[in-house]
C-alpha atoms as a PDB file:
ATOM      1  CA  MET A   1     -30.611 -10.019  27.983  1.00  0.00           C
ATOM      2  CA  ARG A   2     -32.290  -8.200  25.086  1.00  0.00           C
ATOM      3  CA  ASN A   3     -35.428  -9.538  23.397  1.00  0.00           C
ATOM      4  CA  PHE A   4     -34.249 -10.956  20.073  1.00  0.00           C
ATOM      5  CA  LYS A   5     -37.399 -10.056  18.142  1.00  0.00           C
ATOM      6  CA  LYS A   6     -37.245  -6.446  19.338  1.00  0.00           C
ATOM      7  CA  THR A   7     -33.690  -6.070  18.061  1.00  0.00           C
ATOM      8  CA  MET A   8     -34.235  -7.809  14.709  1.00  0.00           C
ATOM      9  CA  PRO A   9     -33.237  -5.472  11.856  1.00  0.00           C
ATOM     10  CA  LYS A  10     -35.955  -4.151   9.558  1.00  0.00           C
ATOM     11  CA  LYS A  11     -33.705  -4.782   6.560  1.00  0.00           C
ATOM     12  CA  ILE A  12     -30.527  -6.723   5.864  1.00  0.00           C
ATOM     13  CA  TRP A  13     -28.096  -6.346   2.959  1.00  0.00           C
ATOM     14  CA  VAL A  14     -27.598  -9.536   0.932  1.00  0.00           C
ATOM     15  CA  ASN A  15     -25.457  -9.560  -2.216  1.00  0.00           C
ATOM     16  CA  GLY A  16     -26.220  -5.948  -3.007  1.00  0.00           C
ATOM     17  CA  ARG A  17     -29.927  -5.898  -2.114  1.00  0.00           C
ATOM     18  CA  LEU A  18     -31.817  -4.778   0.966  1.00  0.00           C
ATOM     19  CA  VAL A  19     -34.245  -7.526   1.940  1.00  0.00           C
ATOM     20  CA  ASP A  20     -36.634  -8.501   4.737  1.00  0.00           C
ATOM     21  CA  PRO A  21     -34.738 -10.601   7.326  1.00  0.00           C
ATOM     22  CA  ARG A  22     -37.902 -12.583   8.105  1.00  0.00           C
ATOM     23  CA  ARG A  23     -37.915 -14.102   4.627  1.00  0.00           C
ATOM     24  CA  PRO A  24     -35.362 -16.621   3.313  1.00  0.00           C
ATOM     25  CA  ALA A  25     -32.366 -14.667   2.033  1.00  0.00           C
ATOM     26  CA  VAL A  26     -29.561 -17.253   2.126  1.00  0.00           C
ATOM     27  CA  SER A  27     -29.780 -20.776   0.717  1.00  0.00           C
ATOM     28  CA  VAL A  28     -29.816 -23.770   3.077  1.00  0.00           C
ATOM     29  CA  PHE A  29     -27.037 -25.073   0.825  1.00  0.00           C
ATOM     30  CA  ASP A  30     -24.831 -22.079   1.657  1.00  0.00           C
ATOM     31  CA  ARG A  31     -21.517 -23.352   3.008  1.00  0.00           C
ATOM     32  CA  GLY A  32     -21.504 -20.724   5.733  1.00  0.00           C
ATOM     33  CA  PHE A  33     -24.681 -22.271   7.136  1.00  0.00           C
ATOM     34  CA  LEU A  34     -23.641 -25.880   6.552  1.00  0.00           C
ATOM     35  CA  TYR A  35     -19.955 -25.812   7.485  1.00  0.00           C
ATOM     36  CA  GLY A  36     -19.009 -22.406   8.878  1.00  0.00           C
ATOM     37  CA  ASP A  37     -17.081 -21.921   5.624  1.00  0.00           C
ATOM     38  CA  GLY A  38     -16.560 -18.180   5.622  1.00  0.00           C
ATOM     39  CA  VAL A  39     -15.310 -15.182   7.572  1.00  0.00           C
ATOM     40  CA  TYR A  40     -16.750 -12.070   9.171  1.00  0.00           C
ATOM     41  CA  GLU A  41     -16.031  -8.629  10.600  1.00  0.00           C
ATOM     42  CA  THR A  42     -17.793  -6.545  13.248  1.00  0.00           C
ATOM     43  CA  ILE A  43     -17.758  -2.802  12.575  1.00  0.00           C
ATOM     44  CA  ARG A  44     -18.818  -0.056  15.013  1.00  0.00           C
ATOM     45  CA  VAL A  45     -20.664   2.908  13.590  1.00  0.00           C
ATOM     46  CA  TYR A  46     -20.740   6.149  15.602  1.00  0.00           C
ATOM     47  CA  ASP A  47     -23.052   8.998  14.573  1.00  0.00           C
ATOM     48  CA  GLY A  48     -23.505   7.374  11.183  1.00  0.00           C
ATOM     49  CA  LYS A  49     -19.779   6.975  10.484  1.00  0.00           C
ATOM     50  CA  PRO A  50     -17.981   3.621  10.566  1.00  0.00           C
ATOM     51  CA  PHE A  51     -14.848   3.592  12.727  1.00  0.00           C
ATOM     52  CA  GLN A  52     -11.629   2.009  11.438  1.00  0.00           C
ATOM     53  CA  LEU A  53     -13.336   0.760   8.283  1.00  0.00           C
ATOM     54  CA  GLU A  54     -10.097   0.388   6.291  1.00  0.00           C
ATOM     55  CA  PRO A  55      -8.358  -1.845   8.884  1.00  0.00           C
ATOM     56  CA  HIS A  56     -11.496  -4.002   9.048  1.00  0.00           C
ATOM     57  CA  PHE A  57     -11.503  -4.270   5.252  1.00  0.00           C
ATOM     58  CA  GLN A  58      -7.821  -5.231   5.208  1.00  0.00           C
ATOM     59  CA  ARG A  59      -8.300  -7.887   7.904  1.00  0.00           C
ATOM     60  CA  LEU A  60     -11.285  -9.260   6.004  1.00  0.00           C
ATOM     61  CA  ALA A  61      -9.024  -9.627   2.974  1.00  0.00           C
ATOM     62  CA  ARG A  62      -6.390 -11.459   5.053  1.00  0.00           C
ATOM     63  CA  SER A  63      -9.006 -13.798   6.504  1.00  0.00           C
ATOM     64  CA  LEU A  64     -10.372 -14.571   3.045  1.00  0.00           C
ATOM     65  CA  ARG A  65      -6.887 -15.273   1.718  1.00  0.00           C
ATOM     66  CA  GLY A  66      -6.455 -17.641   4.642  1.00  0.00           C
ATOM     67  CA  ILE A  67      -9.369 -19.755   3.378  1.00  0.00           C
ATOM     68  CA  GLY A  68      -8.469 -19.446  -0.306  1.00  0.00           C
ATOM     69  CA  MET A  69     -10.884 -16.655  -1.282  1.00  0.00           C
ATOM     70  CA  ARG A  70     -10.706 -13.077  -2.500  1.00  0.00           C
ATOM     71  CA  VAL A  71     -12.727 -10.073  -1.371  1.00  0.00           C
ATOM     72  CA  PRO A  72     -15.753 -10.030  -3.722  1.00  0.00           C
ATOM     73  CA  PHE A  73     -16.196  -6.237  -3.534  1.00  0.00           C
ATOM     74  CA  GLY A  74     -14.155  -3.055  -3.297  1.00  0.00           C
ATOM     75  CA  ARG A  75     -13.589  -0.753  -0.358  1.00  0.00           C
ATOM     76  CA  ALA A  76     -16.063   1.796  -1.715  1.00  0.00           C
ATOM     77  CA  VAL A  77     -18.770  -0.864  -2.070  1.00  0.00           C
ATOM     78  CA  LEU A  78     -18.291  -1.831   1.573  1.00  0.00           C
ATOM     79  CA  GLY A  79     -18.615   1.776   2.704  1.00  0.00           C
ATOM     80  CA  ASP A  80     -21.796   2.240   0.666  1.00  0.00           C
ATOM     81  CA  ALA A  81     -23.236  -1.054   1.965  1.00  0.00           C
ATOM     82  CA  VAL A  82     -22.587  -0.077   5.592  1.00  0.00           C
ATOM     83  CA  ALA A  83     -24.245   3.308   5.056  1.00  0.00           C
ATOM     84  CA  SER A  84     -27.176   1.691   3.235  1.00  0.00           C
ATOM     85  CA  VAL A  85     -27.954  -0.929   5.876  1.00  0.00           C
ATOM     86  CA  MET A  86     -27.606   1.607   8.698  1.00  0.00           C
ATOM     87  CA  ALA A  87     -29.968   4.034   6.942  1.00  0.00           C
ATOM     88  CA  ALA A  88     -32.469   1.276   6.131  1.00  0.00           C
ATOM     89  CA  ASN A  89     -32.682   0.494   9.848  1.00  0.00           C
ATOM     90  CA  ARG A  90     -32.735   4.182  10.871  1.00  0.00           C
ATOM     91  CA  LEU A  91     -29.612   3.829  12.986  1.00  0.00           C
ATOM     92  CA  ALA A  92     -26.960   6.397  13.798  1.00  0.00           C
ATOM     93  CA  ASP A  93     -25.045   4.380  16.410  1.00  0.00           C
ATOM     94  CA  GLY A  94     -24.815   0.670  15.857  1.00  0.00           C
ATOM     95  CA  VAL A  95     -22.922  -2.470  15.031  1.00  0.00           C
ATOM     96  CA  VAL A  96     -22.626  -3.846  11.511  1.00  0.00           C
ATOM     97  CA  ARG A  97     -21.861  -7.528  11.168  1.00  0.00           C
ATOM     98  CA  LEU A  98     -20.314  -8.312   7.757  1.00  0.00           C
ATOM     99  CA  THR A  99     -20.326 -11.980   6.728  1.00  0.00           C
ATOM    100  CA  VAL A 100     -18.738 -13.475   3.616  1.00  0.00           C
ATOM    101  CA  THR A 101     -19.249 -17.173   2.882  1.00  0.00           C
ATOM    102  CA  ARG A 102     -17.976 -19.357   0.062  1.00  0.00           C
ATOM    103  CA  GLY A 103     -21.552 -19.456  -1.172  1.00  0.00           C
ATOM    104  CA  GLU A 104     -24.023 -22.078  -2.249  1.00  0.00           C
ATOM    105  CA  GLY A 105     -22.667 -25.483  -3.219  1.00  0.00           C
ATOM    106  CA  ALA A 106     -23.181 -29.222  -3.250  1.00  0.00           C
ATOM    107  CA  LEU A 107     -23.146 -31.190  -0.011  1.00  0.00           C
ATOM    108  CA  GLY A 108     -19.673 -32.351   0.962  1.00  0.00           C
ATOM    109  CA  PHE A 109     -16.453 -30.683   1.997  1.00  0.00           C
ATOM    110  CA  ASP A 110     -15.152 -30.096  -1.554  1.00  0.00           C
ATOM    111  CA  PRO A 111     -15.996 -26.438  -2.382  1.00  0.00           C
ATOM    112  CA  ALA A 112     -15.435 -26.810  -6.135  1.00  0.00           C
ATOM    113  CA  SER A 113     -19.142 -26.424  -6.924  1.00  0.00           C
ATOM    114  CA  CYS A 114     -19.333 -22.945  -5.357  1.00  0.00           C
ATOM    115  CA  ARG A 115     -19.692 -20.278  -8.027  1.00  0.00           C
ATOM    116  CA  ARG A 116     -20.499 -17.117  -6.096  1.00  0.00           C
ATOM    117  CA  PRO A 117     -19.748 -15.982  -2.548  1.00  0.00           C
ATOM    118  CA  THR A 118     -22.533 -14.813  -0.275  1.00  0.00           C
ATOM    119  CA  VAL A 119     -22.174 -11.396   1.362  1.00  0.00           C
ATOM    120  CA  VAL A 120     -24.509 -10.341   4.187  1.00  0.00           C
ATOM    121  CA  LEU A 121     -24.561  -7.190   6.309  1.00  0.00           C
ATOM    122  CA  LEU A 122     -26.652  -6.904   9.471  1.00  0.00           C
ATOM    123  CA  ALA A 123     -27.040  -3.621  11.356  1.00  0.00           C
ATOM    124  CA  VAL A 124     -28.310  -3.546  14.932  1.00  0.00           C
ATOM    125  CA  PRO A 125     -28.356  -0.892  17.670  1.00  0.00           C
ATOM    126  CA  PHE A 126     -25.306  -0.914  19.890  1.00  0.00           C
ATOM    127  CA  ALA A 127     -26.094  -2.299  23.338  1.00  0.00           C
ATOM    128  CA  SER A 128     -23.954  -0.077  25.558  1.00  0.00           C
ATOM    129  CA  HIS A 129     -21.958  -1.753  28.285  1.00  0.00           C
ATOM    130  CA  PRO A 130     -22.908  -0.620  31.791  1.00  0.00           C
ATOM    131  CA  ALA A 131     -20.950   2.451  32.881  1.00  0.00           C
ATOM    132  CA  VAL A 132     -20.033   0.624  36.090  1.00  0.00           C
ATOM    133  CA  HIS A 133     -17.949  -1.843  34.062  1.00  0.00           C
ATOM    134  CA  TYR A 134     -15.662   0.989  32.995  1.00  0.00           C
ATOM    135  CA  GLU A 135     -15.723   2.608  36.444  1.00  0.00           C
ATOM    136  CA  LYS A 136     -15.199  -0.527  38.551  1.00  0.00           C
ATOM    137  CA  GLY A 137     -13.826  -3.058  36.056  1.00  0.00           C
ATOM    138  CA  VAL A 138     -15.061  -6.511  35.103  1.00  0.00           C
ATOM    139  CA  ARG A 139     -14.181 -10.064  36.091  1.00  0.00           C
ATOM    140  CA  ALA A 140     -12.414 -12.396  33.661  1.00  0.00           C
ATOM    141  CA  VAL A 141     -12.091 -16.161  33.990  1.00  0.00           C
ATOM    142  CA  PHE A 142      -9.310 -18.511  32.921  1.00  0.00           C
ATOM    143  CA  VAL A 143     -11.182 -21.318  31.203  1.00  0.00           C
ATOM    144  CA  ARG A 144      -9.951 -24.907  30.852  1.00  0.00           C
ATOM    145  CA  LEU A 145     -10.864 -25.016  27.166  1.00  0.00           C
ATOM    146  CA  ARG A 146      -7.798 -24.286  25.028  1.00  0.00           C
ATOM    147  CA  ARG A 147      -7.701 -21.916  22.059  1.00  0.00           C
ATOM    148  CA  ASN A 148      -7.681 -23.486  18.622  1.00  0.00           C
ATOM    149  CA  ALA A 149      -4.125 -24.332  17.602  1.00  0.00           C
ATOM    150  CA  LYS A 150      -2.540 -22.270  14.802  1.00  0.00           C
ATOM    151  CA  ASN A 151      -1.801 -25.429  12.826  1.00  0.00           C
ATOM    152  CA  ALA A 152      -5.421 -26.586  13.135  1.00  0.00           C
ATOM    153  CA  LEU A 153      -7.815 -23.624  12.696  1.00  0.00           C
ATOM    154  CA  ASP A 154      -5.650 -20.509  12.874  1.00  0.00           C
ATOM    155  CA  PRO A 155      -7.269 -17.892  15.168  1.00  0.00           C
ATOM    156  CA  SER A 156      -5.790 -15.158  12.954  1.00  0.00           C
ATOM    157  CA  ILE A 157      -8.552 -16.069  10.479  1.00  0.00           C
ATOM    158  CA  LYS A 158     -11.786 -14.465  11.714  1.00  0.00           C
ATOM    159  CA  SER A 159     -13.733 -17.576  10.815  1.00  0.00           C
ATOM    160  CA  LEU A 160     -17.455 -18.259  11.043  1.00  0.00           C
ATOM    161  CA  ASN A 161     -16.539 -21.380  13.000  1.00  0.00           C
ATOM    162  CA  ASN A 162     -16.821 -19.888  16.491  1.00  0.00           C
ATOM    163  CA  LEU A 163     -17.663 -22.978  18.542  1.00  0.00           C
ATOM    164  CA  ASN A 164     -14.333 -22.714  20.378  1.00  0.00           C
ATOM    165  CA  ASN A 165     -15.238 -19.176  21.503  1.00  0.00           C
ATOM    166  CA  ILE A 166     -18.841 -20.071  22.333  1.00  0.00           C
ATOM    167  CA  LEU A 167     -17.894 -22.973  24.599  1.00  0.00           C
ATOM    168  CA  ALA A 168     -15.286 -20.803  26.332  1.00  0.00           C
ATOM    169  CA  LYS A 169     -17.846 -18.036  26.852  1.00  0.00           C
ATOM    170  CA  MET A 170     -20.306 -20.515  28.359  1.00  0.00           C
ATOM    171  CA  GLU A 171     -17.627 -21.804  30.735  1.00  0.00           C
ATOM    172  CA  SER A 172     -16.695 -18.278  31.851  1.00  0.00           C
ATOM    173  CA  MET A 173     -20.332 -17.317  32.476  1.00  0.00           C
ATOM    174  CA  LYS A 174     -20.860 -20.385  34.662  1.00  0.00           C
ATOM    175  CA  LYS A 175     -17.956 -19.154  36.786  1.00  0.00           C
ATOM    176  CA  GLY A 176     -19.310 -15.615  37.092  1.00  0.00           C
ATOM    177  CA  GLY A 177     -17.098 -13.878  34.550  1.00  0.00           C
ATOM    178  CA  GLN A 178     -17.833 -11.270  31.891  1.00  0.00           C
ATOM    179  CA  GLU A 179     -15.095 -12.658  29.620  1.00  0.00           C
ATOM    180  CA  ALA A 180     -13.028 -15.800  29.218  1.00  0.00           C
ATOM    181  CA  LEU A 181      -9.230 -15.851  29.115  1.00  0.00           C
ATOM    182  CA  MET A 182      -7.930 -18.600  26.852  1.00  0.00           C
ATOM    183  CA  LEU A 183      -4.557 -20.344  26.827  1.00  0.00           C
ATOM    184  CA  ASN A 184      -2.977 -22.105  23.857  1.00  0.00           C
ATOM    185  CA  GLN A 185      -1.889 -25.737  23.797  1.00  0.00           C
ATOM    186  CA  GLU A 186       1.440 -24.822  25.460  1.00  0.00           C
ATOM    187  CA  GLY A 187      -0.264 -22.958  28.298  1.00  0.00           C
ATOM    188  CA  TYR A 188       0.528 -19.433  27.082  1.00  0.00           C
ATOM    189  CA  LEU A 189      -2.034 -16.639  27.192  1.00  0.00           C
ATOM    190  CA  THR A 190      -3.775 -15.880  23.893  1.00  0.00           C
ATOM    191  CA  GLU A 191      -7.003 -13.853  23.995  1.00  0.00           C
ATOM    192  CA  GLY A 192     -10.599 -13.672  25.153  1.00  0.00           C
ATOM    193  CA  THR A 193     -13.643 -14.861  23.236  1.00  0.00           C
ATOM    194  CA  ILE A 194     -14.193 -11.405  21.700  1.00  0.00           C
ATOM    195  CA  SER A 195     -11.196  -9.478  22.971  1.00  0.00           C
ATOM    196  CA  ASN A 196      -7.456  -9.059  23.127  1.00  0.00           C
ATOM    197  CA  ILE A 197      -5.690  -8.946  26.500  1.00  0.00           C
ATOM    198  CA  PHE A 198      -3.301  -6.293  27.831  1.00  0.00           C
ATOM    199  CA  PHE A 199      -1.645  -5.765  31.180  1.00  0.00           C
ATOM    200  CA  ILE A 200       0.665  -3.246  32.820  1.00  0.00           C
ATOM    201  CA  SER A 201       3.665  -4.686  34.631  1.00  0.00           C
ATOM    202  CA  GLY A 202       6.631  -2.654  35.850  1.00  0.00           C
ATOM    203  CA  GLY A 203       5.516   0.358  33.841  1.00  0.00           C
ATOM    204  CA  VAL A 204       5.424  -1.643  30.591  1.00  0.00           C
ATOM    205  CA  LEU A 205       2.326  -2.389  28.513  1.00  0.00           C
ATOM    206  CA  LYS A 206       2.388  -6.113  27.747  1.00  0.00           C
ATOM    207  CA  THR A 207       0.237  -8.276  25.501  1.00  0.00           C
ATOM    208  CA  PRO A 208       0.501 -11.768  23.983  1.00  0.00           C
ATOM    209  CA  SER A 209       2.286 -11.792  20.637  1.00  0.00           C
ATOM    210  CA  LEU A 210       0.439 -12.885  17.517  1.00  0.00           C
ATOM    211  CA  ASP A 211       2.543 -16.033  17.214  1.00  0.00           C
ATOM    212  CA  CYS A 212       0.834 -17.348  20.379  1.00  0.00           C
ATOM    213  CA  GLY A 213      -2.257 -17.927  18.230  1.00  0.00           C
ATOM    214  CA  LEU A 214      -4.736 -15.058  18.417  1.00  0.00           C
ATOM    215  CA  LEU A 215      -6.640 -12.611  16.274  1.00  0.00           C
ATOM    216  CA  ASP A 216      -4.847  -9.423  15.286  1.00  0.00           C
ATOM    217  CA  GLY A 217      -7.515  -7.148  16.722  1.00  0.00           C
ATOM    218  CA  VAL A 218      -8.200  -3.818  15.040  1.00  0.00           C
ATOM    219  CA  THR A 219      -8.612  -2.168  18.452  1.00  0.00           C
ATOM    220  CA  ARG A 220      -5.479  -3.978  19.657  1.00  0.00           C
ATOM    221  CA  SER A 221      -3.451  -2.235  16.953  1.00  0.00           C
ATOM    222  CA  VAL A 222      -4.986   1.154  17.769  1.00  0.00           C
ATOM    223  CA  VAL A 223      -4.199   0.794  21.487  1.00  0.00           C
ATOM    224  CA  LEU A 224      -0.607  -0.225  20.789  1.00  0.00           C
ATOM    225  CA  SER A 225      -0.253   2.914  18.670  1.00  0.00           C
ATOM    226  CA  LEU A 226      -1.827   5.120  21.353  1.00  0.00           C
ATOM    227  CA  ALA A 227       0.508   3.689  23.998  1.00  0.00           C
ATOM    228  CA  LYS A 228       3.560   4.458  21.874  1.00  0.00           C
ATOM    229  CA  ARG A 229       2.326   8.034  21.362  1.00  0.00           C
ATOM    230  CA  ARG A 230       2.351   8.396  25.144  1.00  0.00           C
ATOM    231  CA  SER A 231       5.893   6.954  25.272  1.00  0.00           C
ATOM    232  CA  LEU A 232       4.612   3.952  27.209  1.00  0.00           C
ATOM    233  CA  ALA A 233       6.989   1.025  26.707  1.00  0.00           C
ATOM    234  CA  VAL A 234       5.308  -1.843  24.830  1.00  0.00           C
ATOM    235  CA  TRP A 235       6.203  -5.542  24.909  1.00  0.00           C
ATOM    236  CA  GLU A 236       4.649  -8.393  22.903  1.00  0.00           C
ATOM    237  CA  GLY A 237       5.609 -11.935  23.802  1.00  0.00           C
ATOM    238  CA  ARG A 238       4.677 -15.170  25.569  1.00  0.00           C
ATOM    239  CA  CYS A 239       2.823 -14.769  28.854  1.00  0.00           C
ATOM    240  CA  ARG A 240       1.791 -17.247  31.528  1.00  0.00           C
ATOM    241  CA  PRO A 241      -1.266 -16.754  33.785  1.00  0.00           C
ATOM    242  CA  ARG A 242       1.035 -15.832  36.683  1.00  0.00           C
ATOM    243  CA  HIS A 243       2.167 -12.739  34.769  1.00  0.00           C
ATOM    244  CA  LEU A 244      -1.423 -11.502  34.792  1.00  0.00           C
ATOM    245  CA  PHE A 245      -1.868 -12.164  38.520  1.00  0.00           C
ATOM    246  CA  SER A 246       1.186 -10.046  39.361  1.00  0.00           C
ATOM    247  CA  ALA A 247       0.227  -7.195  37.015  1.00  0.00           C
ATOM    248  CA  GLU A 248      -0.684  -3.727  38.239  1.00  0.00           C
ATOM    249  CA  GLU A 249      -3.487  -3.401  35.672  1.00  0.00           C
ATOM    250  CA  VAL A 250      -5.313  -5.596  33.169  1.00  0.00           C
ATOM    251  CA  PHE A 251      -7.694  -4.558  30.408  1.00  0.00           C
ATOM    252  CA  LEU A 252      -9.418  -5.989  27.352  1.00  0.00           C
ATOM    253  CA  THR A 253      -9.829  -4.431  23.906  1.00  0.00           C
ATOM    254  CA  SER A 254     -12.264  -5.017  21.063  1.00  0.00           C
ATOM    255  CA  THR A 255     -14.441  -3.132  18.597  1.00  0.00           C
ATOM    256  CA  THR A 256     -17.415  -3.295  20.964  1.00  0.00           C
ATOM    257  CA  LEU A 257     -15.640  -3.216  24.347  1.00  0.00           C
ATOM    258  CA  GLU A 258     -13.243  -0.415  23.318  1.00  0.00           C
ATOM    259  CA  VAL A 259     -10.891  -0.492  26.359  1.00  0.00           C
ATOM    260  CA  MET A 260     -12.448  -2.452  29.219  1.00  0.00           C
ATOM    261  CA  PRO A 261     -10.635  -2.651  32.590  1.00  0.00           C
ATOM    262  CA  VAL A 262     -10.371  -5.994  34.417  1.00  0.00           C
ATOM    263  CA  THR A 263     -10.077  -5.789  38.212  1.00  0.00           C
ATOM    264  CA  SER A 264     -10.415  -9.457  39.158  1.00  0.00           C
ATOM    265  CA  VAL A 265      -9.624 -12.813  37.572  1.00  0.00           C
ATOM    266  CA  VAL A 266     -10.718 -16.368  38.395  1.00  0.00           C
ATOM    267  CA  ASP A 267      -7.793 -18.762  37.927  1.00  0.00           C
ATOM    268  CA  GLU A 268      -7.991 -22.314  36.546  1.00  0.00           C
ATOM    269  CA  GLN A 269      -8.443 -23.690  40.076  1.00  0.00           C
ATOM    270  CA  GLY A 270     -11.508 -21.485  40.583  1.00  0.00           C
ATOM    271  CA  ARG A 271      -9.799 -19.028  42.948  1.00  0.00           C
ATOM    272  CA  LEU A 272     -10.670 -15.338  42.704  1.00  0.00           C
ATOM    273  CA  ARG A 273      -7.548 -13.201  42.247  1.00  0.00           C
ATOM    274  CA  ARG A 274      -7.558  -9.435  42.615  1.00  0.00           C
ATOM    275  CA  ILE A 275      -5.639  -7.437  40.004  1.00  0.00           C
ATOM    276  CA  GLY A 276      -3.378  -4.788  41.535  1.00  0.00           C
ATOM    277  CA  SER A 277      -5.329  -2.704  44.036  1.00  0.00           C
ATOM    278  CA  GLY A 278      -8.627  -4.080  42.747  1.00  0.00           C
ATOM    279  CA  GLN A 279      -9.428  -0.666  41.257  1.00  0.00           C
ATOM    280  CA  VAL A 280      -9.354   0.571  37.673  1.00  0.00           C
ATOM    281  CA  GLY A 281      -5.773   1.585  36.935  1.00  0.00           C
ATOM    282  CA  GLU A 282      -4.501   4.901  35.579  1.00  0.00           C
ATOM    283  CA  TRP A 283      -3.348   3.521  32.240  1.00  0.00           C
ATOM    284  CA  SER A 284      -6.613   1.682  31.614  1.00  0.00           C
ATOM    285  CA  GLY A 285      -8.555   4.921  32.056  1.00  0.00           C
ATOM    286  CA  ARG A 286      -6.032   6.988  30.137  1.00  0.00           C
ATOM    287  CA  LEU A 287      -6.011   4.694  27.098  1.00  0.00           C
ATOM    288  CA  LEU A 288      -9.808   4.491  27.087  1.00  0.00           C
ATOM    289  CA  ARG A 289      -9.992   8.295  27.011  1.00  0.00           C
ATOM    290  CA  ASP A 290      -7.380   8.437  24.237  1.00  0.00           C
ATOM    291  CA  TYR A 291      -9.292   5.831  22.259  1.00  0.00           C
ATOM    292  CA  ARG A 292     -12.558   7.734  22.586  1.00  0.00           C
ATOM    293  CA  ARG A 293     -10.883  10.984  21.574  1.00  0.00           C
ATOM    294  CA  LEU A 294      -9.754   9.198  18.439  1.00  0.00           C
ATOM    295  CA  ILE A 295     -13.351   8.106  17.783  1.00  0.00           C
ATOM    296  CA  THR A 296     -14.524  11.698  18.256  1.00  0.00           C
ATOM    297  CA  LYS A 297     -11.900  12.984  15.840  1.00  0.00           C
ATOM    298  CA  ALA A 298     -12.846  10.387  13.208  1.00  0.00           C
ATOM    299  CA  THR A 299     -16.643  10.382  13.556  1.00  0.00           C
ATOM    300  CA  GLY A 300     -17.715  13.401  15.620  1.00  0.00           C
ATOM    301  CA  LYS A 301     -19.170  11.181  18.336  1.00  0.00           C
ATOM    302  CA  LYS A 302     -19.068  12.900  21.750  1.00  0.00           C
ATOM    303  CA  PHE A 303     -18.296  11.090  25.002  1.00  0.00           C
ATOM    304  CA  LYS A 304     -18.449  12.132  28.631  1.00  0.00           C
ATOM    305  CA  ILE A 305     -14.753  11.754  29.452  1.00  0.00           C
END
């Protein structure tokens, strides 16, 4: 676990200004702080260039529409802000967390008093995942906690209210997993706490469909496109845990994980289940290499692949 103070940014971007993160920058009456009333995006920057910035911007817009807001800045402003906060912290490789809240307002759930949204960008160094995770795979855990229902707090909105994910992550860690696997109220597979889920079964790449109640991951969309380029059959639908246990390969995708192989899974009864041969599968490695080639093409970042 990294020391928080050592990783604290030197500067953060708040409503167009670079400020000291150790001094108050956001009001205690901000609705993001009080109620989780806002949305966010996590953007990877490689060699000073943000990857998949436009899809992140478009998803931010969808999330804001989902809570009755509009994007308070243009695409060019976002690009400049990302570059500014990275430069201010002397980072080439890093993670930028973009947060948009409804802004400062009166106490109470009625947001009518809010006049101006709050926009914050944080840039921190990227903490690389251990190489062994990509070489040997990680362990995922089916947690008992269910994913938020679509008709309650729709997971397709990348909301600041992440308590559902946090509790699931805590449960998975107690059971020795690197990631949680979450089911919806009907018992169908949805996603992880920070990732989308894929598996290979019968030569077909399968993943839960969006109507199961999950976030439309930016990396998820890229991997689906890469699979189709390789003429790998793709299926999106409703999956039960048993479909994962009988799969030849399983992997997770996200902005920070990229393509992370899963070689074992703990089921809801606490039993450890091996995936396929227990080794990283061919398609998991192939799609990771394809994904990193795409990063190289877009940003110039070099990988040992």
